[in-house]
Amino acid sequence: MRHAAAEGDPLATAVTREAAERVASVAVNVANITDVDLIVLGGHGIRHIEALYRDAVAEALATRPLSRHIRVADVAVSPLGPDAAVVGAASLVLHATYSPQLSALLED
């Protein structure tokens, strides 16, 4: 689907735009609840069509959040691309393995 959308297929582009709008709605909800400064999009699912997702999320964040009059959250595409999930998983393993645990720090 994403390859067809990237090549300009009208049906694939319409479906992808609808998916991007749904992701944008989620981003707006996250921005309203957590007051984030930056939303980073990435992963294998949006490869080759990152701009479509980035533009949809940026437009939604500029027009729909409750806090848009105070500031608008920035939107960026992850430089990790399709490796974002793998790098994130590896960082969780490294953090769990090598970071000091709170319980160990509190022991006397």
PDB file of N, CA and C in Angstrom:
ATOM      1  N   MET A   1       0.827  -1.166   0.000  1.00  0.00           N
ATOM      2  CA  MET A   1       0.000   0.000   0.000  1.00  0.00           C
ATOM      3  C   MET A   1       0.887   1.251   0.000  1.00  0.00           C
ATOM      4  N   ARG A   2       1.882   1.258   0.884  1.00  0.00           N
ATOM      5  CA  ARG A   2       2.717   2.469   0.970  1.00  0.00           C
ATOM      6  C   ARG A   2       3.533   2.674  -0.295  1.00  0.00           C
ATOM      7  N   HIS A   3       3.932   1.596  -0.944  1.00  0.00           N
ATOM      8  CA  HIS A   3       4.675   1.735  -2.204  1.00  0.00           C
ATOM      9  C   HIS A   3       3.758   2.316  -3.283  1.00  0.00           C
ATOM     10  N   ALA A   4       2.533   1.821  -3.332  1.00  0.00           N
ATOM     11  CA  ALA A   4       1.579   2.329  -4.325  1.00  0.00           C
ATOM     12  C   ALA A   4       1.266   3.795  -4.062  1.00  0.00           C
ATOM     13  N   ALA A   5       1.115   4.156  -2.787  1.00  0.00           N
ATOM     14  CA  ALA A   5       0.850   5.557  -2.439  1.00  0.00           C
ATOM     15  C   ALA A   5       2.035   6.436  -2.811  1.00  0.00           C
ATOM     16  N   ALA A   6       3.238   5.945  -2.569  1.00  0.00           N
ATOM     17  CA  ALA A   6       4.441   6.715  -2.916  1.00  0.00           C
ATOM     18  C   ALA A   6       4.559   6.908  -4.421  1.00  0.00           C
ATOM     19  N   GLU A   7       4.015   5.965  -5.189  1.00  0.00           N
ATOM     20  CA  GLU A   7       4.066   6.067  -6.649  1.00  0.00           C
ATOM     21  C   GLU A   7       2.891   6.840  -7.229  1.00  0.00           C
ATOM     22  N   GLY A   8       1.956   7.266  -6.348  1.00  0.00           N
ATOM     23  CA  GLY A   8       0.869   8.118  -6.800  1.00  0.00           C
ATOM     24  C   GLY A   8      -0.440   7.429  -7.126  1.00  0.00           C
ATOM     25  N   ASP A   9      -0.591   6.165  -6.770  1.00  0.00           N
ATOM     26  CA  ASP A   9      -1.854   5.471  -7.008  1.00  0.00           C
ATOM     27  C   ASP A   9      -2.972   6.186  -6.233  1.00  0.00           C
ATOM     28  N   PRO A  10      -4.064   6.589  -6.910  1.00  0.00           N
ATOM     29  CA  PRO A  10      -5.100   7.392  -6.245  1.00  0.00           C
ATOM     30  C   PRO A  10      -5.786   6.681  -5.078  1.00  0.00           C
ATOM     31  N   LEU A  11      -6.116   5.407  -5.234  1.00  0.00           N
ATOM     32  CA  LEU A  11      -6.783   4.679  -4.149  1.00  0.00           C
ATOM     33  C   LEU A  11      -5.842   4.501  -2.969  1.00  0.00           C
ATOM     34  N   ALA A  12      -4.616   4.091  -3.239  1.00  0.00           N
ATOM     35  CA  ALA A  12      -3.633   3.910  -2.165  1.00  0.00           C
ATOM     36  C   ALA A  12      -3.347   5.232  -1.461  1.00  0.00           C
ATOM     37  N   THR A  13      -3.277   6.308  -2.206  1.00  0.00           N
ATOM     38  CA  THR A  13      -3.048   7.625  -1.609  1.00  0.00           C
ATOM     39  C   THR A  13      -4.214   8.031  -0.716  1.00  0.00           C
ATOM     40  N   ALA A  14      -5.448   7.771  -1.158  1.00  0.00           N
ATOM     41  CA  ALA A  14      -6.620   8.117  -0.354  1.00  0.00           C
ATOM     42  C   ALA A  14      -6.655   7.311   0.943  1.00  0.00           C
ATOM     43  N   VAL A  15      -6.360   6.021   0.850  1.00  0.00           N
ATOM     44  CA  VAL A  15      -6.347   5.167   2.046  1.00  0.00           C
ATOM     45  C   VAL A  15      -5.235   5.611   2.991  1.00  0.00           C
ATOM     46  N   THR A  16      -4.083   5.931   2.433  1.00  0.00           N
ATOM     47  CA  THR A  16      -2.954   6.367   3.250  1.00  0.00           C
ATOM     48  C   THR A  16      -3.247   7.705   3.917  1.00  0.00           C
ATOM     49  N   ARG A  17      -3.889   8.601   3.206  1.00  0.00           N
ATOM     50  CA  ARG A  17      -4.262   9.889   3.817  1.00  0.00           C
ATOM     51  C   ARG A  17      -5.228   9.686   4.981  1.00  0.00           C
ATOM     52  N   GLU A  18      -6.179   8.769   4.821  1.00  0.00           N
ATOM     53  CA  GLU A  18      -7.112   8.468   5.912  1.00  0.00           C
ATOM     54  C   GLU A  18      -6.363   7.908   7.117  1.00  0.00           C
ATOM     55  N   ALA A  19      -5.411   7.017   6.867  1.00  0.00           N
ATOM     56  CA  ALA A  19      -4.598   6.476   7.962  1.00  0.00           C
ATOM     57  C   ALA A  19      -3.784   7.574   8.632  1.00  0.00           C
ATOM     58  N   ALA A  20      -3.231   8.480   7.825  1.00  0.00           N
ATOM     59  CA  ALA A  20      -2.448   9.591   8.376  1.00  0.00           C
ATOM     60  C   ALA A  20      -3.334  10.506   9.213  1.00  0.00           C
ATOM     61  N   GLU A  21      -4.570  10.714   8.797  1.00  0.00           N
ATOM     62  CA  GLU A  21      -5.504  11.534   9.586  1.00  0.00           C
ATOM     63  C   GLU A  21      -5.814  10.880  10.928  1.00  0.00           C
ATOM     64  N   ARG A  22      -5.903   9.576  10.942  1.00  0.00           N
ATOM     65  CA  ARG A  22      -6.156   8.874  12.211  1.00  0.00           C
ATOM     66  C   ARG A  22      -4.942   8.968  13.136  1.00  0.00           C
ATOM     67  N   VAL A  23      -3.763   8.835  12.568  1.00  0.00           N
ATOM     68  CA  VAL A  23      -2.548   9.022  13.364  1.00  0.00           C
ATOM     69  C   VAL A  23      -2.489  10.454  13.880  1.00  0.00           C
ATOM     70  N   ALA A  24      -2.881  11.404  13.056  1.00  0.00           N
ATOM     71  CA  ALA A  24      -2.889  12.809  13.464  1.00  0.00           C
ATOM     72  C   ALA A  24      -3.857  13.031  14.629  1.00  0.00           C
ATOM     73  N   SER A  25      -5.009  12.360  14.606  1.00  0.00           N
ATOM     74  CA  SER A  25      -5.958  12.489  15.715  1.00  0.00           C
ATOM     75  C   SER A  25      -5.360  11.962  17.014  1.00  0.00           C
ATOM     76  N   VAL A  26      -4.639  10.858  16.918  1.00  0.00           N
ATOM     77  CA  VAL A  26      -3.964  10.320  18.101  1.00  0.00           C
ATOM     78  C   VAL A  26      -2.901  11.303  18.598  1.00  0.00           C
ATOM     79  N   ALA A  27      -2.156  11.886  17.685  1.00  0.00           N
ATOM     80  CA  ALA A  27      -1.124  12.854  18.071  1.00  0.00           C
ATOM     81  C   ALA A  27      -1.737  14.058  18.773  1.00  0.00           C
ATOM     82  N   VAL A  28      -2.881  14.516  18.290  1.00  0.00           N
ATOM     83  CA  VAL A  28      -3.573  15.638  18.941  1.00  0.00           C
ATOM     84  C   VAL A  28      -3.990  15.253  20.352  1.00  0.00           C
ATOM     85  N   ASN A  29      -4.526  14.057  20.524  1.00  0.00           N
ATOM     86  CA  ASN A  29      -4.921  13.612  21.861  1.00  0.00           C
ATOM     87  C   ASN A  29      -3.728  13.517  22.799  1.00  0.00           C
ATOM     88  N   VAL A  30      -2.616  12.994  22.295  1.00  0.00           N
ATOM     89  CA  VAL A  30      -1.394  12.911  23.106  1.00  0.00           C
ATOM     90  C   VAL A  30      -0.920  14.316  23.479  1.00  0.00           C
ATOM     91  N   ALA A  31      -0.932  15.234  22.520  1.00  0.00           N
ATOM     92  CA  ALA A  31      -0.495  16.605  22.794  1.00  0.00           C
ATOM     93  C   ALA A  31      -1.407  17.278  23.813  1.00  0.00           C
ATOM     94  N   ASN A  32      -2.702  17.026  23.745  1.00  0.00           N
ATOM     95  CA  ASN A  32      -3.632  17.619  24.707  1.00  0.00           C
ATOM     96  C   ASN A  32      -3.431  17.071  26.113  1.00  0.00           C
ATOM     97  N   ILE A  33      -3.125  15.793  26.219  1.00  0.00           N
ATOM     98  CA  ILE A  33      -3.012  15.150  27.528  1.00  0.00           C
ATOM     99  C   ILE A  33      -1.654  15.378  28.165  1.00  0.00           C
ATOM    100  N   THR A  34      -0.585  15.284  27.369  1.00  0.00           N
ATOM    101  CA  THR A  34       0.759  15.296  27.951  1.00  0.00           C
ATOM    102  C   THR A  34       1.544  16.580  27.734  1.00  0.00           C
ATOM    103  N   ASP A  35       1.064  17.492  26.896  1.00  0.00           N
ATOM    104  CA  ASP A  35       1.742  18.758  26.638  1.00  0.00           C
ATOM    105  C   ASP A  35       3.181  18.540  26.158  1.00  0.00           C
ATOM    106  N   VAL A  36       3.326  17.767  25.089  1.00  0.00           N
ATOM    107  CA  VAL A  36       4.647  17.457  24.546  1.00  0.00           C
ATOM    108  C   VAL A  36       5.167  18.594  23.676  1.00  0.00           C
ATOM    109  N   ASP A  37       6.477  18.654  23.526  1.00  0.00           N
ATOM    110  CA  ASP A  37       7.118  19.642  22.659  1.00  0.00           C
ATOM    111  C   ASP A  37       7.378  19.102  21.260  1.00  0.00           C
ATOM    112  N   LEU A  38       7.532  17.787  21.165  1.00  0.00           N
ATOM    113  CA  LEU A  38       7.931  17.177  19.901  1.00  0.00           C
ATOM    114  C   LEU A  38       7.260  15.825  19.746  1.00  0.00           C
ATOM    115  N   ILE A  39       6.733  15.571  18.568  1.00  0.00           N
ATOM    116  CA  ILE A  39       6.199  14.253  18.222  1.00  0.00           C
ATOM    117  C   ILE A  39       7.064  13.721  17.093  1.00  0.00           C
ATOM    118  N   VAL A  40       7.629  12.535  17.308  1.00  0.00           N
ATOM    119  CA  VAL A  40       8.515  11.916  16.337  1.00  0.00           C
ATOM    120  C   VAL A  40       7.788  10.738  15.699  1.00  0.00           C
ATOM    121  N   LEU A  41       7.741  10.741  14.384  1.00  0.00           N
ATOM    122  CA  LEU A  41       7.111   9.665  13.629  1.00  0.00           C
ATOM    123  C   LEU A  41       8.181   8.797  13.018  1.00  0.00           C
ATOM    124  N   GLY A  42       7.987   7.501  13.022  1.00  0.00           N
ATOM    125  CA  GLY A  42       8.973   6.629  12.412  1.00  0.00           C
ATOM    126  C   GLY A  42       8.488   5.206  12.345  1.00  0.00           C
ATOM    127  N   GLY A  43       9.318   4.383  11.766  1.00  0.00           N
ATOM    128  CA  GLY A  43       9.013   2.972  11.658  1.00  0.00           C
ATOM    129  C   GLY A  43       8.791   2.531  10.231  1.00  0.00           C
ATOM    130  N   HIS A  44       8.691   1.240  10.093  1.00  0.00           N
ATOM    131  CA  HIS A  44       8.582   0.626   8.779  1.00  0.00           C
ATOM    132  C   HIS A  44       7.276   0.991   8.079  1.00  0.00           C
ATOM    133  N   GLY A  45       6.209   1.196   8.815  1.00  0.00           N
ATOM    134  CA  GLY A  45       4.893   1.433   8.231  1.00  0.00           C
ATOM    135  C   GLY A  45       4.753   2.715   7.442  1.00  0.00           C
ATOM    136  N   ILE A  46       5.581   3.700   7.711  1.00  0.00           N
ATOM    137  CA  ILE A  46       5.457   4.962   6.981  1.00  0.00           C
ATOM    138  C   ILE A  46       6.656   5.230   6.062  1.00  0.00           C
ATOM    139  N   ARG A  47       7.461   4.223   5.875  1.00  0.00           N
ATOM    140  CA  ARG A  47       8.630   4.373   5.001  1.00  0.00           C
ATOM    141  C   ARG A  47       8.177   4.728   3.589  1.00  0.00           C
ATOM    142  N   HIS A  48       8.804   5.680   2.979  1.00  0.00           N
ATOM    143  CA  HIS A  48       8.540   6.204   1.633  1.00  0.00           C
ATOM    144  C   HIS A  48       7.379   7.198   1.606  1.00  0.00           C
ATOM    145  N   ILE A  49       6.589   7.291   2.658  1.00  0.00           N
ATOM    146  CA  ILE A  49       5.460   8.229   2.685  1.00  0.00           C
ATOM    147  C   ILE A  49       5.498   9.072   3.957  1.00  0.00           C
ATOM    148  N   GLU A  50       6.693   9.272   4.486  1.00  0.00           N
ATOM    149  CA  GLU A  50       6.849  10.019   5.732  1.00  0.00           C
ATOM    150  C   GLU A  50       6.270  11.420   5.644  1.00  0.00           C
ATOM    151  N   ALA A  51       6.469  12.076   4.516  1.00  0.00           N
ATOM    152  CA  ALA A  51       6.011  13.461   4.365  1.00  0.00           C
ATOM    153  C   ALA A  51       4.503  13.565   4.499  1.00  0.00           C
ATOM    154  N   LEU A  52       3.786  12.595   3.970  1.00  0.00           N
ATOM    155  CA  LEU A  52       2.330  12.614   4.066  1.00  0.00           C
ATOM    156  C   LEU A  52       1.890  12.554   5.525  1.00  0.00           C
ATOM    157  N   TYR A  53       2.497  11.667   6.293  1.00  0.00           N
ATOM    158  CA  TYR A  53       2.166  11.548   7.718  1.00  0.00           C
ATOM    159  C   TYR A  53       2.606  12.796   8.481  1.00  0.00           C
ATOM    160  N   ARG A  54       3.832  13.246   8.219  1.00  0.00           N
ATOM    161  CA  ARG A  54       4.342  14.432   8.914  1.00  0.00           C
ATOM    162  C   ARG A  54       3.445  15.633   8.664  1.00  0.00           C
ATOM    163  N   ASP A  55       3.039  15.847   7.417  1.00  0.00           N
ATOM    164  CA  ASP A  55       2.191  16.989   7.083  1.00  0.00           C
ATOM    165  C   ASP A  55       0.819  16.886   7.732  1.00  0.00           C
ATOM    166  N   ALA A  56       0.233  15.688   7.741  1.00  0.00           N
ATOM    167  CA  ALA A  56      -1.088  15.501   8.359  1.00  0.00           C
ATOM    168  C   ALA A  56      -1.037  15.765   9.860  1.00  0.00           C
ATOM    169  N   VAL A  57      -0.001  15.255  10.519  1.00  0.00           N
ATOM    170  CA  VAL A  57       0.132  15.458  11.965  1.00  0.00           C
ATOM    171  C   VAL A  57       0.432  16.920  12.274  1.00  0.00           C
ATOM    172  N   ALA A  58       1.311  17.542  11.507  1.00  0.00           N
ATOM    173  CA  ALA A  58       1.648  18.952  11.743  1.00  0.00           C
ATOM    174  C   ALA A  58       0.428  19.849  11.568  1.00  0.00           C
ATOM    175  N   GLU A  59      -0.364  19.591  10.539  1.00  0.00           N
ATOM    176  CA  GLU A  59      -1.562  20.398  10.321  1.00  0.00           C
ATOM    177  C   GLU A  59      -2.571  20.209  11.452  1.00  0.00           C
ATOM    178  N   ALA A  60      -2.751  18.965  11.872  1.00  0.00           N
ATOM    179  CA  ALA A  60      -3.689  18.706  12.970  1.00  0.00           C
ATOM    180  C   ALA A  60      -3.223  19.365  14.260  1.00  0.00           C
ATOM    181  N   LEU A  61      -1.924  19.304  14.536  1.00  0.00           N
ATOM    182  CA  LEU A  61      -1.397  19.918  15.761  1.00  0.00           C
ATOM    183  C   LEU A  61      -1.488  21.441  15.716  1.00  0.00           C
ATOM    184  N   ALA A  62      -1.447  22.010  14.532  1.00  0.00           N
ATOM    185  CA  ALA A  62      -1.527  23.467  14.401  1.00  0.00           C
ATOM    186  C   ALA A  62      -2.959  23.982  14.513  1.00  0.00           C
ATOM    187  N   THR A  63      -3.936  23.110  14.299  1.00  0.00           N
ATOM    188  CA  THR A  63      -5.323  23.584  14.253  1.00  0.00           C
ATOM    189  C   THR A  63      -6.243  23.004  15.313  1.00  0.00           C
ATOM    190  N   ARG A  64      -5.952  21.812  15.844  1.00  0.00           N
ATOM    191  CA  ARG A  64      -6.922  21.159  16.720  1.00  0.00           C
ATOM    192  C   ARG A  64      -6.612  21.094  18.206  1.00  0.00           C
ATOM    193  N   PRO A  65      -5.380  21.120  18.665  1.00  0.00           N
ATOM    194  CA  PRO A  65      -5.160  20.950  20.109  1.00  0.00           C
ATOM    195  C   PRO A  65      -5.702  22.114  20.930  1.00  0.00           C
ATOM    196  N   LEU A  66      -6.029  21.798  22.167  1.00  0.00           N
ATOM    197  CA  LEU A  66      -6.517  22.820  23.082  1.00  0.00           C
ATOM    198  C   LEU A  66      -5.446  23.867  23.359  1.00  0.00           C
ATOM    199  N   SER A  67      -4.187  23.461  23.355  1.00  0.00           N
ATOM    200  CA  SER A  67      -3.092  24.364  23.710  1.00  0.00           C
ATOM    201  C   SER A  67      -2.478  25.067  22.507  1.00  0.00           C
ATOM    202  N   ARG A  68      -3.083  25.007  21.332  1.00  0.00           N
ATOM    203  CA  ARG A  68      -2.451  25.564  20.133  1.00  0.00           C
ATOM    204  C   ARG A  68      -2.223  27.065  20.229  1.00  0.00           C
ATOM    205  N   HIS A  69      -2.982  27.750  21.081  1.00  0.00           N
ATOM    206  CA  HIS A  69      -2.786  29.193  21.221  1.00  0.00           C
ATOM    207  C   HIS A  69      -1.563  29.515  22.084  1.00  0.00           C
ATOM    208  N   ILE A  70      -1.142  28.552  22.882  1.00  0.00           N
ATOM    209  CA  ILE A  70       0.044  28.746  23.724  1.00  0.00           C
ATOM    210  C   ILE A  70       1.295  28.383  22.932  1.00  0.00           C
ATOM    211  N   ARG A  71       1.305  27.183  22.370  1.00  0.00           N
ATOM    212  CA  ARG A  71       2.406  26.743  21.515  1.00  0.00           C
ATOM    213  C   ARG A  71       1.976  25.512  20.751  1.00  0.00           C
ATOM    214  N   VAL A  72       2.618  25.285  19.636  1.00  0.00           N
ATOM    215  CA  VAL A  72       2.319  24.129  18.796  1.00  0.00           C
ATOM    216  C   VAL A  72       3.486  23.156  18.906  1.00  0.00           C
ATOM    217  N   ALA A  73       3.175  21.887  19.107  1.00  0.00           N
ATOM    218  CA  ALA A  73       4.226  20.866  19.170  1.00  0.00           C
ATOM    219  C   ALA A  73       4.836  20.688  17.778  1.00  0.00           C
ATOM    220  N   ASP A  74       6.131  20.473  17.747  1.00  0.00           N
ATOM    221  CA  ASP A  74       6.832  20.210  16.491  1.00  0.00           C
ATOM    222  C   ASP A  74       6.642  18.747  16.097  1.00  0.00           C
ATOM    223  N   VAL A  75       6.769  18.478  14.814  1.00  0.00           N
ATOM    224  CA  VAL A  75       6.663  17.118  14.284  1.00  0.00           C
ATOM    225  C   VAL A  75       7.923  16.833  13.490  1.00  0.00           C
ATOM    226  N   ALA A  76       8.513  15.672  13.730  1.00  0.00           N
ATOM    227  CA  ALA A  76       9.719  15.278  13.000  1.00  0.00           C
ATOM    228  C   ALA A  76       9.611  13.817  12.607  1.00  0.00           C
ATOM    229  N   VAL A  77      10.324  13.467  11.557  1.00  0.00           N
ATOM    230  CA  VAL A  77      10.424  12.072  11.141  1.00  0.00           C
ATOM    231  C   VAL A  77      11.712  11.531  11.727  1.00  0.00           C
ATOM    232  N   SER A  78      11.631  10.372  12.342  1.00  0.00           N
ATOM    233  CA  SER A  78      12.803   9.770  12.971  1.00  0.00           C
ATOM    234  C   SER A  78      13.891   9.485  11.943  1.00  0.00           C
ATOM    235  N   PRO A  79      15.121   9.851  12.269  1.00  0.00           N
ATOM    236  CA  PRO A  79      16.219   9.522  11.353  1.00  0.00           C
ATOM    237  C   PRO A  79      16.529   8.029  11.340  1.00  0.00           C
ATOM    238  N   LEU A  80      15.965   7.282  12.280  1.00  0.00           N
ATOM    239  CA  LEU A  80      16.213   5.847  12.329  1.00  0.00           C
ATOM    240  C   LEU A  80      15.414   5.079  11.284  1.00  0.00           C
ATOM    241  N   GLY A  81      14.373   5.702  10.752  1.00  0.00           N
ATOM    242  CA  GLY A  81      13.566   5.067   9.711  1.00  0.00           C
ATOM    243  C   GLY A  81      12.977   3.756  10.166  1.00  0.00           C
ATOM    244  N   PRO A  82      13.121   2.718   9.347  1.00  0.00           N
ATOM    245  CA  PRO A  82      12.502   1.439   9.681  1.00  0.00           C
ATOM    246  C   PRO A  82      13.173   0.721  10.851  1.00  0.00           C
ATOM    247  N   ASP A  83      14.322   1.206  11.288  1.00  0.00           N
ATOM    248  CA  ASP A  83      15.028   0.577  12.401  1.00  0.00           C
ATOM    249  C   ASP A  83      14.601   1.131  13.756  1.00  0.00           C
ATOM    250  N   ALA A  84      13.648   2.044  13.785  1.00  0.00           N
ATOM    251  CA  ALA A  84      13.252   2.694  15.037  1.00  0.00           C
ATOM    252  C   ALA A  84      12.798   1.695  16.095  1.00  0.00           C
ATOM    253  N   ALA A  85      11.980   0.730  15.718  1.00  0.00           N
ATOM    254  CA  ALA A  85      11.470  -0.241  16.688  1.00  0.00           C
ATOM    255  C   ALA A  85      12.593  -1.115  17.239  1.00  0.00           C
ATOM    256  N   VAL A  86      13.506  -1.527  16.379  1.00  0.00           N
ATOM    257  CA  VAL A  86      14.610  -2.376  16.812  1.00  0.00           C
ATOM    258  C   VAL A  86      15.538  -1.619  17.753  1.00  0.00           C
ATOM    259  N   VAL A  87      15.855  -0.393  17.406  1.00  0.00           N
ATOM    260  CA  VAL A  87      16.737   0.414  18.255  1.00  0.00           C
ATOM    261  C   VAL A  87      16.055   0.693  19.597  1.00  0.00           C
ATOM    262  N   GLY A  88      14.759   0.979  19.574  1.00  0.00           N
ATOM    263  CA  GLY A  88      14.017   1.205  20.815  1.00  0.00           C
ATOM    264  C   GLY A  88      14.012  -0.028  21.701  1.00  0.00           C
ATOM    265  N   ALA A  89      13.778  -1.189  21.113  1.00  0.00           N
ATOM    266  CA  ALA A  89      13.781  -2.437  21.888  1.00  0.00           C
ATOM    267  C   ALA A  89      15.155  -2.707  22.480  1.00  0.00           C
ATOM    268  N   ALA A  90      16.193  -2.493  21.691  1.00  0.00           N
ATOM    269  CA  ALA A  90      17.553  -2.710  22.194  1.00  0.00           C
ATOM    270  C   ALA A  90      17.870  -1.750  23.330  1.00  0.00           C
ATOM    271  N   SER A  91      17.424  -0.513  23.228  1.00  0.00           N
ATOM    272  CA  SER A  91      17.703   0.449  24.300  1.00  0.00           C
ATOM    273  C   SER A  91      16.971   0.069  25.584  1.00  0.00           C
ATOM    274  N   LEU A  92      15.771  -0.497  25.465  1.00  0.00           N
ATOM    275  CA  LEU A  92      15.057  -0.963  26.658  1.00  0.00           C
ATOM    276  C   LEU A  92      15.795  -2.106  27.341  1.00  0.00           C
ATOM    277  N   VAL A  93      16.323  -3.023  26.544  1.00  0.00           N
ATOM    278  CA  VAL A  93      17.086  -4.136  27.114  1.00  0.00           C
ATOM    279  C   VAL A  93      18.339  -3.617  27.800  1.00  0.00           C
ATOM    280  N   LEU A  94      19.060  -2.728  27.137  1.00  0.00           N
ATOM    281  CA  LEU A  94      20.273  -2.166  27.739  1.00  0.00           C
ATOM    282  C   LEU A  94      19.957  -1.396  29.010  1.00  0.00           C
ATOM    283  N   HIS A  95      18.882  -0.625  28.987  1.00  0.00           N
ATOM    284  CA  HIS A  95      18.501   0.140  30.168  1.00  0.00           C
ATOM    285  C   HIS A  95      18.138  -0.794  31.329  1.00  0.00           C
ATOM    286  N   ALA A  96      17.354  -1.812  31.055  1.00  0.00           N
ATOM    287  CA  ALA A  96      16.947  -2.745  32.109  1.00  0.00           C
ATOM    288  C   ALA A  96      18.135  -3.528  32.655  1.00  0.00           C
ATOM    289  N   THR A  97      19.111  -3.811  31.809  1.00  0.00           N
ATOM    290  CA  THR A  97      20.253  -4.619  32.217  1.00  0.00           C
ATOM    291  C   THR A  97      21.311  -3.819  32.964  1.00  0.00           C
ATOM    292  N   TYR A  98      21.598  -2.607  32.498  1.00  0.00           N
ATOM    293  CA  TYR A  98      22.748  -1.879  33.023  1.00  0.00           C
ATOM    294  C   TYR A  98      22.426  -0.660  33.872  1.00  0.00           C
ATOM    295  N   SER A  99      21.206  -0.217  33.901  1.00  0.00           N
ATOM    296  CA  SER A  99      20.859   0.938  34.727  1.00  0.00           C
ATOM    297  C   SER A  99      20.626   0.493  36.164  1.00  0.00           C
ATOM    298  N   PRO A 100      21.049   1.301  37.123  1.00  0.00           N
ATOM    299  CA  PRO A 100      20.799   0.921  38.513  1.00  0.00           C
ATOM    300  C   PRO A 100      19.296   0.920  38.802  1.00  0.00           C
ATOM    301  N   GLN A 101      18.863  -0.096  39.511  1.00  0.00           N
ATOM    302  CA  GLN A 101      17.459  -0.195  39.886  1.00  0.00           C
ATOM    303  C   GLN A 101      17.228   0.590  41.169  1.00  0.00           C
ATOM    304  N   LEU A 102      16.093   1.229  41.263  1.00  0.00           N
ATOM    305  CA  LEU A 102      15.774   2.059  42.428  1.00  0.00           C
ATOM    306  C   LEU A 102      15.846   1.249  43.711  1.00  0.00           C
ATOM    307  N   SER A 103      15.345   0.028  43.692  1.00  0.00           N
ATOM    308  CA  SER A 103      15.366  -0.796  44.908  1.00  0.00           C
ATOM    309  C   SER A 103      16.792  -1.065  45.372  1.00  0.00           C
ATOM    310  N   ALA A 104      17.717  -1.238  44.447  1.00  0.00           N
ATOM    311  CA  ALA A 104      19.114  -1.458  44.808  1.00  0.00           C
ATOM    312  C   ALA A 104      19.744  -0.194  45.374  1.00  0.00           C
ATOM    313  N   LEU A 105      19.335   0.954  44.903  1.00  0.00           N
ATOM    314  CA  LEU A 105      19.882   2.209  45.398  1.00  0.00           C
ATOM    315  C   LEU A 105      19.377   2.531  46.797  1.00  0.00           C
ATOM    316  N   LEU A 106      18.169   2.065  47.129  1.00  0.00           N
ATOM    317  CA  LEU A 106      17.572   2.391  48.420  1.00  0.00           C
ATOM    318  C   LEU A 106      17.972   1.429  49.531  1.00  0.00           C
ATOM    319  N   GLU A 107      18.612   0.308  49.192  1.00  0.00           N
ATOM    320  CA  GLU A 107      19.034  -0.653  50.209  1.00  0.00           C
ATOM    321  C   GLU A 107      20.151  -0.065  51.062  1.00  0.00           C
ATOM    322  N   ASP A 108      20.113  -0.396  52.317  1.00  0.00           N
ATOM    323  CA  ASP A 108      21.163   0.079  53.231  1.00  0.00           C
ATOM    324  C   ASP A 108      22.229  -0.956  53.437  1.00  0.00           C
TER     325      ASP A 108
END
